[in-house]
Amino acid sequence: MKNYFIARSRRVRSTPYTSRIENQGVNAYTVYNHMLLPAAFGSLEDSYHHLKEHVQVWDVAGERQVEISGKDSAKLVQLMTCR
C-alpha cells in the first residue's frame, strides 16, 4: 500500500494535541471522525518495543460521547460494555 498525503481542509480538524504530537516526530496521520489522528512514529518495530517497555499516551480526541436515556438505558449499557 502506498502512503498518500492527507490534505488538511475545513472538513478535517486537528486535535488540541496536534502541535505537541508534531514536535514528537509523527510520521503519518489517519482521519477518524473528521479529525487527524497520529498513526505512526518511527518504524512499526520501534513502536512495538516502545509499547512493551514504556508508557504510551494516545490522542483519542476523535471519540465522541453519547447519552443513552430511557427506562431500560442502564440495562442496555450493561449489555453493550465489557465487564
PDB file of N, CA and C in Angstrom:
ATOM      1  N   MET A   1       0.840  -1.169   0.000  1.00  0.00           N
ATOM      2  CA  MET A   1       0.000   0.000   0.000  1.00  0.00           C
ATOM      3  C   MET A   1       0.891   1.241   0.000  1.00  0.00           C
ATOM      4  N   LYS A   2       0.550   2.211  -0.796  1.00  0.00           N
ATOM      5  CA  LYS A   2       1.310   3.454  -0.859  1.00  0.00           C
ATOM      6  C   LYS A   2       0.868   4.402   0.246  1.00  0.00           C
ATOM      7  N   ASN A   3       1.775   5.254   0.669  1.00  0.00           N
ATOM      8  CA  ASN A   3       1.437   6.308   1.619  1.00  0.00           C
ATOM      9  C   ASN A   3       1.041   7.551   0.839  1.00  0.00           C
ATOM     10  N   TYR A   4      -0.167   8.011   1.035  1.00  0.00           N
ATOM     11  CA  TYR A   4      -0.656   9.196   0.359  1.00  0.00           C
ATOM     12  C   TYR A   4      -0.731  10.354   1.341  1.00  0.00           C
ATOM     13  N   PHE A   5      -0.532  11.548   0.834  1.00  0.00           N
ATOM     14  CA  PHE A   5      -0.605  12.758   1.636  1.00  0.00           C
ATOM     15  C   PHE A   5      -2.060  13.049   1.981  1.00  0.00           C
ATOM     16  N   ILE A   6      -2.340  13.417   3.223  1.00  0.00           N
ATOM     17  CA  ILE A   6      -3.683  13.813   3.638  1.00  0.00           C
ATOM     18  C   ILE A   6      -3.720  15.334   3.641  1.00  0.00           C
ATOM     19  N   ALA A   7      -4.495  15.908   2.746  1.00  0.00           N
ATOM     20  CA  ALA A   7      -4.598  17.364   2.663  1.00  0.00           C
ATOM     21  C   ALA A   7      -5.476  17.874   3.800  1.00  0.00           C
ATOM     22  N   ARG A   8      -5.004  18.898   4.478  1.00  0.00           N
ATOM     23  CA  ARG A   8      -5.811  19.500   5.536  1.00  0.00           C
ATOM     24  C   ARG A   8      -6.874  20.390   4.912  1.00  0.00           C
ATOM     25  N   SER A   9      -8.055  20.325   5.463  1.00  0.00           N
ATOM     26  CA  SER A   9      -9.159  21.147   4.976  1.00  0.00           C
ATOM     27  C   SER A   9     -10.078  21.458   6.144  1.00  0.00           C
ATOM     28  N   ARG A  10     -11.112  22.242   5.880  1.00  0.00           N
ATOM     29  CA  ARG A  10     -12.070  22.560   6.940  1.00  0.00           C
ATOM     30  C   ARG A  10     -12.874  21.340   7.366  1.00  0.00           C
ATOM     31  N   ARG A  11     -12.906  20.317   6.530  1.00  0.00           N
ATOM     32  CA  ARG A  11     -13.653  19.103   6.868  1.00  0.00           C
ATOM     33  C   ARG A  11     -12.879  18.190   7.798  1.00  0.00           C
ATOM     34  N   VAL A  12     -11.569  18.390   7.885  1.00  0.00           N
ATOM     35  CA  VAL A  12     -10.719  17.566   8.747  1.00  0.00           C
ATOM     36  C   VAL A  12     -10.067  18.485   9.764  1.00  0.00           C
ATOM     37  N   ARG A  13     -10.335  18.231  11.042  1.00  0.00           N
ATOM     38  CA  ARG A  13      -9.819  19.094  12.104  1.00  0.00           C
ATOM     39  C   ARG A  13      -8.606  18.461  12.763  1.00  0.00           C
ATOM     40  N   SER A  14      -7.778  19.300  13.327  1.00  0.00           N
ATOM     41  CA  SER A  14      -6.689  18.796  14.158  1.00  0.00           C
ATOM     42  C   SER A  14      -7.193  18.733  15.596  1.00  0.00           C
ATOM     43  N   THR A  15      -6.488  18.016  16.441  1.00  0.00           N
ATOM     44  CA  THR A  15      -6.884  17.886  17.838  1.00  0.00           C
ATOM     45  C   THR A  15      -6.152  18.933  18.668  1.00  0.00           C
ATOM     46  N   PRO A  16      -6.525  19.114  19.926  1.00  0.00           N
ATOM     47  CA  PRO A  16      -5.794  20.051  20.780  1.00  0.00           C
ATOM     48  C   PRO A  16      -4.334  19.657  20.991  1.00  0.00           C
ATOM     49  N   TYR A  17      -3.978  18.425  20.681  1.00  0.00           N
ATOM     50  CA  TYR A  17      -2.623  17.931  20.924  1.00  0.00           C
ATOM     51  C   TYR A  17      -1.767  17.871  19.661  1.00  0.00           C
ATOM     52  N   THR A  18      -2.284  18.300  18.528  1.00  0.00           N
ATOM     53  CA  THR A  18      -1.574  18.145  17.258  1.00  0.00           C
ATOM     54  C   THR A  18      -0.199  18.798  17.270  1.00  0.00           C
ATOM     55  N   SER A  19      -0.082  20.000  17.789  1.00  0.00           N
ATOM     56  CA  SER A  19       1.227  20.674  17.775  1.00  0.00           C
ATOM     57  C   SER A  19       2.252  19.910  18.607  1.00  0.00           C
ATOM     58  N   ARG A  20       1.842  19.372  19.741  1.00  0.00           N
ATOM     59  CA  ARG A  20       2.765  18.587  20.570  1.00  0.00           C
ATOM     60  C   ARG A  20       3.123  17.267  19.893  1.00  0.00           C
ATOM     61  N   ILE A  21       2.155  16.669  19.240  1.00  0.00           N
ATOM     62  CA  ILE A  21       2.402  15.409  18.540  1.00  0.00           C
ATOM     63  C   ILE A  21       3.394  15.625  17.407  1.00  0.00           C
ATOM     64  N   GLU A  22       3.241  16.723  16.682  1.00  0.00           N
ATOM     65  CA  GLU A  22       4.167  17.007  15.585  1.00  0.00           C
ATOM     66  C   GLU A  22       5.579  17.248  16.103  1.00  0.00           C
ATOM     67  N   ASN A  23       5.709  17.812  17.301  1.00  0.00           N
ATOM     68  CA  ASN A  23       7.034  18.004  17.902  1.00  0.00           C
ATOM     69  C   ASN A  23       7.690  16.677  18.273  1.00  0.00           C
ATOM     70  N   GLN A  24       6.896  15.619  18.431  1.00  0.00           N
ATOM     71  CA  GLN A  24       7.432  14.306  18.791  1.00  0.00           C
ATOM     72  C   GLN A  24       7.796  13.465  17.572  1.00  0.00           C
ATOM     73  N   GLY A  25       7.598  13.997  16.376  1.00  0.00           N
ATOM     74  CA  GLY A  25       8.054  13.300  15.176  1.00  0.00           C
ATOM     75  C   GLY A  25       7.072  12.333  14.555  1.00  0.00           C
ATOM     76  N   VAL A  26       5.809  12.684  14.518  1.00  0.00           N
ATOM     77  CA  VAL A  26       4.821  11.811  13.880  1.00  0.00           C
ATOM     78  C   VAL A  26       5.178  11.627  12.406  1.00  0.00           C
ATOM     79  N   ASN A  27       5.050  10.397  11.915  1.00  0.00           N
ATOM     80  CA  ASN A  27       5.353  10.081  10.513  1.00  0.00           C
ATOM     81  C   ASN A  27       4.112  10.034   9.639  1.00  0.00           C
ATOM     82  N   ALA A  28       2.963   9.705  10.228  1.00  0.00           N
ATOM     83  CA  ALA A  28       1.752   9.532   9.426  1.00  0.00           C
ATOM     84  C   ALA A  28       0.522   9.837  10.270  1.00  0.00           C
ATOM     85  N   TYR A  29      -0.505  10.293   9.602  1.00  0.00           N
ATOM     86  CA  TYR A  29      -1.802  10.541  10.228  1.00  0.00           C
ATOM     87  C   TYR A  29      -2.847   9.665   9.567  1.00  0.00           C
ATOM     88  N   THR A  30      -3.940   9.455  10.280  1.00  0.00           N
ATOM     89  CA  THR A  30      -5.135   8.864   9.710  1.00  0.00           C
ATOM     90  C   THR A  30      -6.287   9.793  10.061  1.00  0.00           C
ATOM     91  N   VAL A  31      -7.380   9.692   9.340  1.00  0.00           N
ATOM     92  CA  VAL A  31      -8.549  10.518   9.627  1.00  0.00           C
ATOM     93  C   VAL A  31      -9.584   9.632  10.295  1.00  0.00           C
ATOM     94  N   TYR A  32     -10.031  10.063  11.467  1.00  0.00           N
ATOM     95  CA  TYR A  32     -11.051   9.334  12.214  1.00  0.00           C
ATOM     96  C   TYR A  32     -12.059  10.347  12.719  1.00  0.00           C
ATOM     97  N   ASN A  33     -13.310  10.184  12.373  1.00  0.00           N
ATOM     98  CA  ASN A  33     -14.384  11.056  12.833  1.00  0.00           C
ATOM     99  C   ASN A  33     -14.066  12.520  12.514  1.00  0.00           C
ATOM    100  N   HIS A  34     -13.578  12.754  11.321  1.00  0.00           N
ATOM    101  CA  HIS A  34     -13.231  14.092  10.815  1.00  0.00           C
ATOM    102  C   HIS A  34     -12.076  14.740  11.571  1.00  0.00           C
ATOM    103  N   MET A  35     -11.244  13.954  12.237  1.00  0.00           N
ATOM    104  CA  MET A  35     -10.099  14.501  12.961  1.00  0.00           C
ATOM    105  C   MET A  35      -8.827  13.791  12.530  1.00  0.00           C
ATOM    106  N   LEU A  36      -7.733  14.554  12.478  1.00  0.00           N
ATOM    107  CA  LEU A  36      -6.423  13.976  12.187  1.00  0.00           C
ATOM    108  C   LEU A  36      -5.889  13.309  13.444  1.00  0.00           C
ATOM    109  N   LEU A  37      -5.625  12.034  13.365  1.00  0.00           N
ATOM    110  CA  LEU A  37      -5.051  11.323  14.497  1.00  0.00           C
ATOM    111  C   LEU A  37      -3.719  10.718  14.079  1.00  0.00           C
ATOM    112  N   PRO A  38      -2.717  10.781  14.949  1.00  0.00           N
ATOM    113  CA  PRO A  38      -1.409  10.229  14.604  1.00  0.00           C
ATOM    114  C   PRO A  38      -1.500   8.717  14.417  1.00  0.00           C
ATOM    115  N   ALA A  39      -0.805   8.226  13.397  1.00  0.00           N
ATOM    116  CA  ALA A  39      -0.856   6.799  13.101  1.00  0.00           C
ATOM    117  C   ALA A  39       0.497   6.120  13.220  1.00  0.00           C
ATOM    118  N   ALA A  40       1.593   6.880  13.116  1.00  0.00           N
ATOM    119  CA  ALA A  40       2.909   6.236  13.156  1.00  0.00           C
ATOM    120  C   ALA A  40       3.978   7.200  13.645  1.00  0.00           C
ATOM    121  N   PHE A  41       4.837   6.680  14.490  1.00  0.00           N
ATOM    122  CA  PHE A  41       6.043   7.365  14.955  1.00  0.00           C
ATOM    123  C   PHE A  41       7.189   6.395  14.723  1.00  0.00           C
ATOM    124  N   GLY A  42       8.049   6.672  13.773  1.00  0.00           N
ATOM    125  CA  GLY A  42       9.154   5.754  13.506  1.00  0.00           C
ATOM    126  C   GLY A  42       8.651   4.487  12.841  1.00  0.00           C
ATOM    127  N   SER A  43       9.412   3.416  12.994  1.00  0.00           N
ATOM    128  CA  SER A  43       9.047   2.148  12.356  1.00  0.00           C
ATOM    129  C   SER A  43       8.047   1.378  13.214  1.00  0.00           C
ATOM    130  N   LEU A  44       7.433   0.396  12.623  1.00  0.00           N
ATOM    131  CA  LEU A  44       6.498  -0.464  13.339  1.00  0.00           C
ATOM    132  C   LEU A  44       7.204  -1.198  14.473  1.00  0.00           C
ATOM    133  N   GLU A  45       8.425  -1.636  14.224  1.00  0.00           N
ATOM    134  CA  GLU A  45       9.195  -2.344  15.250  1.00  0.00           C
ATOM    135  C   GLU A  45       9.524  -1.424  16.426  1.00  0.00           C
ATOM    136  N   ASP A  46       9.908  -0.173  16.133  1.00  0.00           N
ATOM    137  CA  ASP A  46      10.184   0.792  17.201  1.00  0.00           C
ATOM    138  C   ASP A  46       8.946   1.033  18.055  1.00  0.00           C
ATOM    139  N   SER A  47       7.796   1.176  17.409  1.00  0.00           N
ATOM    140  CA  SER A  47       6.547   1.393  18.143  1.00  0.00           C
ATOM    141  C   SER A  47       6.216   0.195  19.025  1.00  0.00           C
ATOM    142  N   TYR A  48       6.426  -1.009  18.509  1.00  0.00           N
ATOM    143  CA  TYR A  48       6.162  -2.222  19.283  1.00  0.00           C
ATOM    144  C   TYR A  48       7.029  -2.268  20.534  1.00  0.00           C
ATOM    145  N   HIS A  49       8.331  -2.036  20.381  1.00  0.00           N
ATOM    146  CA  HIS A  49       9.238  -2.093  21.528  1.00  0.00           C
ATOM    147  C   HIS A  49       8.935  -0.982  22.531  1.00  0.00           C
ATOM    148  N   HIS A  50       8.573   0.181  22.039  1.00  0.00           N
ATOM    149  CA  HIS A  50       8.222   1.273  22.947  1.00  0.00           C
ATOM    150  C   HIS A  50       6.971   0.922  23.745  1.00  0.00           C
ATOM    151  N   LEU A  51       5.983   0.344  23.087  1.00  0.00           N
ATOM    152  CA  LEU A  51       4.749  -0.057  23.764  1.00  0.00           C
ATOM    153  C   LEU A  51       5.013  -1.112  24.830  1.00  0.00           C
ATOM    154  N   LYS A  52       5.906  -2.053  24.554  1.00  0.00           N
ATOM    155  CA  LYS A  52       6.197  -3.121  25.506  1.00  0.00           C
ATOM    156  C   LYS A  52       7.032  -2.652  26.697  1.00  0.00           C
ATOM    157  N   GLU A  53       7.861  -1.622  26.516  1.00  0.00           N
ATOM    158  CA  GLU A  53       8.811  -1.229  27.555  1.00  0.00           C
ATOM    159  C   GLU A  53       8.492   0.094  28.248  1.00  0.00           C
ATOM    160  N   HIS A  54       7.615   0.906  27.678  1.00  0.00           N
ATOM    161  CA  HIS A  54       7.341   2.234  28.223  1.00  0.00           C
ATOM    162  C   HIS A  54       5.839   2.492  28.249  1.00  0.00           C
ATOM    163  N   VAL A  55       5.499   3.679  28.669  1.00  0.00           N
ATOM    164  CA  VAL A  55       4.102   4.116  28.687  1.00  0.00           C
ATOM    165  C   VAL A  55       3.812   4.855  27.391  1.00  0.00           C
ATOM    166  N   GLN A  56       2.629   4.649  26.840  1.00  0.00           N
ATOM    167  CA  GLN A  56       2.199   5.413  25.675  1.00  0.00           C
ATOM    168  C   GLN A  56       0.899   6.120  26.009  1.00  0.00           C
ATOM    169  N   VAL A  57       0.803   7.360  25.599  1.00  0.00           N
ATOM    170  CA  VAL A  57      -0.424   8.137  25.742  1.00  0.00           C
ATOM    171  C   VAL A  57      -0.971   8.346  24.338  1.00  0.00           C
ATOM    172  N   TRP A  58      -2.199   7.963  24.120  1.00  0.00           N
ATOM    173  CA  TRP A  58      -2.790   8.062  22.789  1.00  0.00           C
ATOM    174  C   TRP A  58      -3.791   9.202  22.749  1.00  0.00           C
ATOM    175  N   ASP A  59      -3.813   9.910  21.646  1.00  0.00           N
ATOM    176  CA  ASP A  59      -4.753  11.001  21.419  1.00  0.00           C
ATOM    177  C   ASP A  59      -6.076  10.395  20.953  1.00  0.00           C
ATOM    178  N   VAL A  60      -7.082  10.467  21.790  1.00  0.00           N
ATOM    179  CA  VAL A  60      -8.388   9.914  21.438  1.00  0.00           C
ATOM    180  C   VAL A  60      -9.431  11.028  21.309  1.00  0.00           C
ATOM    181  N   ALA A  61      -8.985  12.195  20.861  1.00  0.00           N
ATOM    182  CA  ALA A  61      -9.878  13.347  20.731  1.00  0.00           C
ATOM    183  C   ALA A  61     -10.995  13.104  19.719  1.00  0.00           C
ATOM    184  N   GLY A  62     -10.821  12.151  18.825  1.00  0.00           N
ATOM    185  CA  GLY A  62     -11.848  11.856  17.834  1.00  0.00           C
ATOM    186  C   GLY A  62     -13.032  11.092  18.386  1.00  0.00           C
ATOM    187  N   GLU A  63     -12.902  10.563  19.591  1.00  0.00           N
ATOM    188  CA  GLU A  63     -14.008   9.833  20.207  1.00  0.00           C
ATOM    189  C   GLU A  63     -15.111  10.813  20.611  1.00  0.00           C
ATOM    190  N   ARG A  64     -16.330  10.369  20.614  1.00  0.00           N
ATOM    191  CA  ARG A  64     -17.463  11.212  20.986  1.00  0.00           C
ATOM    192  C   ARG A  64     -18.249  10.553  22.114  1.00  0.00           C
ATOM    193  N   GLN A  65     -18.890  11.394  22.909  1.00  0.00           N
ATOM    194  CA  GLN A  65     -19.746  10.888  23.973  1.00  0.00           C
ATOM    195  C   GLN A  65     -21.180  10.834  23.468  1.00  0.00           C
ATOM    196  N   VAL A  66     -21.898   9.855  23.941  1.00  0.00           N
ATOM    197  CA  VAL A  66     -23.318   9.751  23.620  1.00  0.00           C
ATOM    198  C   VAL A  66     -24.091   9.613  24.921  1.00  0.00           C
ATOM    199  N   GLU A  67     -25.332  10.017  24.890  1.00  0.00           N
ATOM    200  CA  GLU A  67     -26.199   9.857  26.057  1.00  0.00           C
ATOM    201  C   GLU A  67     -27.268   8.835  25.714  1.00  0.00           C
ATOM    202  N   ILE A  68     -27.404   7.853  26.572  1.00  0.00           N
ATOM    203  CA  ILE A  68     -28.426   6.829  26.389  1.00  0.00           C
ATOM    204  C   ILE A  68     -29.439   7.023  27.500  1.00  0.00           C
ATOM    205  N   SER A  69     -30.671   7.282  27.116  1.00  0.00           N
ATOM    206  CA  SER A  69     -31.703   7.563  28.114  1.00  0.00           C
ATOM    207  C   SER A  69     -32.900   6.652  27.876  1.00  0.00           C
ATOM    208  N   GLY A  70     -33.736   6.606  28.862  1.00  0.00           N
ATOM    209  CA  GLY A  70     -34.933   5.792  28.761  1.00  0.00           C
ATOM    210  C   GLY A  70     -35.039   4.816  29.915  1.00  0.00           C
ATOM    211  N   LYS A  71     -36.166   4.137  29.965  1.00  0.00           N
ATOM    212  CA  LYS A  71     -36.474   3.247  31.077  1.00  0.00           C
ATOM    213  C   LYS A  71     -35.437   2.145  31.245  1.00  0.00           C
ATOM    214  N   ASP A  72     -34.998   1.536  30.176  1.00  0.00           N
ATOM    215  CA  ASP A  72     -34.053   0.422  30.247  1.00  0.00           C
ATOM    216  C   ASP A  72     -32.633   0.815  29.835  1.00  0.00           C
ATOM    217  N   SER A  73     -32.294   2.092  29.951  1.00  0.00           N
ATOM    218  CA  SER A  73     -30.983   2.559  29.477  1.00  0.00           C
ATOM    219  C   SER A  73     -29.831   1.925  30.253  1.00  0.00           C
ATOM    220  N   ALA A  74     -29.955   1.800  31.560  1.00  0.00           N
ATOM    221  CA  ALA A  74     -28.868   1.215  32.355  1.00  0.00           C
ATOM    222  C   ALA A  74     -28.632  -0.244  31.960  1.00  0.00           C
ATOM    223  N   LYS A  75     -29.706  -0.977  31.743  1.00  0.00           N
ATOM    224  CA  LYS A  75     -29.572  -2.375  31.335  1.00  0.00           C
ATOM    225  C   LYS A  75     -28.927  -2.479  29.951  1.00  0.00           C
ATOM    226  N   LEU A  76     -29.324  -1.612  29.026  1.00  0.00           N
ATOM    227  CA  LEU A  76     -28.744  -1.618  27.688  1.00  0.00           C
ATOM    228  C   LEU A  76     -27.246  -1.331  27.735  1.00  0.00           C
ATOM    229  N   VAL A  77     -26.844  -0.352  28.526  1.00  0.00           N
ATOM    230  CA  VAL A  77     -25.421  -0.012  28.626  1.00  0.00           C
ATOM    231  C   VAL A  77     -24.640  -1.180  29.214  1.00  0.00           C
ATOM    232  N   GLN A  78     -25.188  -1.865  30.190  1.00  0.00           N
ATOM    233  CA  GLN A  78     -24.517  -3.032  30.766  1.00  0.00           C
ATOM    234  C   GLN A  78     -24.340  -4.137  29.725  1.00  0.00           C
ATOM    235  N   LEU A  79     -25.316  -4.313  28.862  1.00  0.00           N
ATOM    236  CA  LEU A  79     -25.218  -5.337  27.822  1.00  0.00           C
ATOM    237  C   LEU A  79     -24.212  -4.957  26.735  1.00  0.00           C
ATOM    238  N   MET A  80     -24.023  -3.660  26.508  1.00  0.00           N
ATOM    239  CA  MET A  80     -23.140  -3.186  25.434  1.00  0.00           C
ATOM    240  C   MET A  80     -21.673  -3.119  25.833  1.00  0.00           C
ATOM    241  N   THR A  81     -21.375  -3.024  27.113  1.00  0.00           N
ATOM    242  CA  THR A  81     -20.000  -2.774  27.541  1.00  0.00           C
ATOM    243  C   THR A  81     -19.369  -4.002  28.178  1.00  0.00           C
ATOM    244  N   CYS A  82     -18.039  -3.973  28.195  1.00  0.00           N
ATOM    245  CA  CYS A  82     -17.279  -5.065  28.823  1.00  0.00           C
ATOM    246  C   CYS A  82     -17.471  -5.028  30.327  1.00  0.00           C
ATOM    247  N   ARG A  83     -17.245  -6.149  30.924  1.00  0.00           N
ATOM    248  CA  ARG A  83     -17.353  -6.191  32.382  1.00  0.00           C
ATOM    249  C   ARG A  83     -16.007  -6.371  32.999  1.00  0.00           C
TER     250      ARG A  83
END
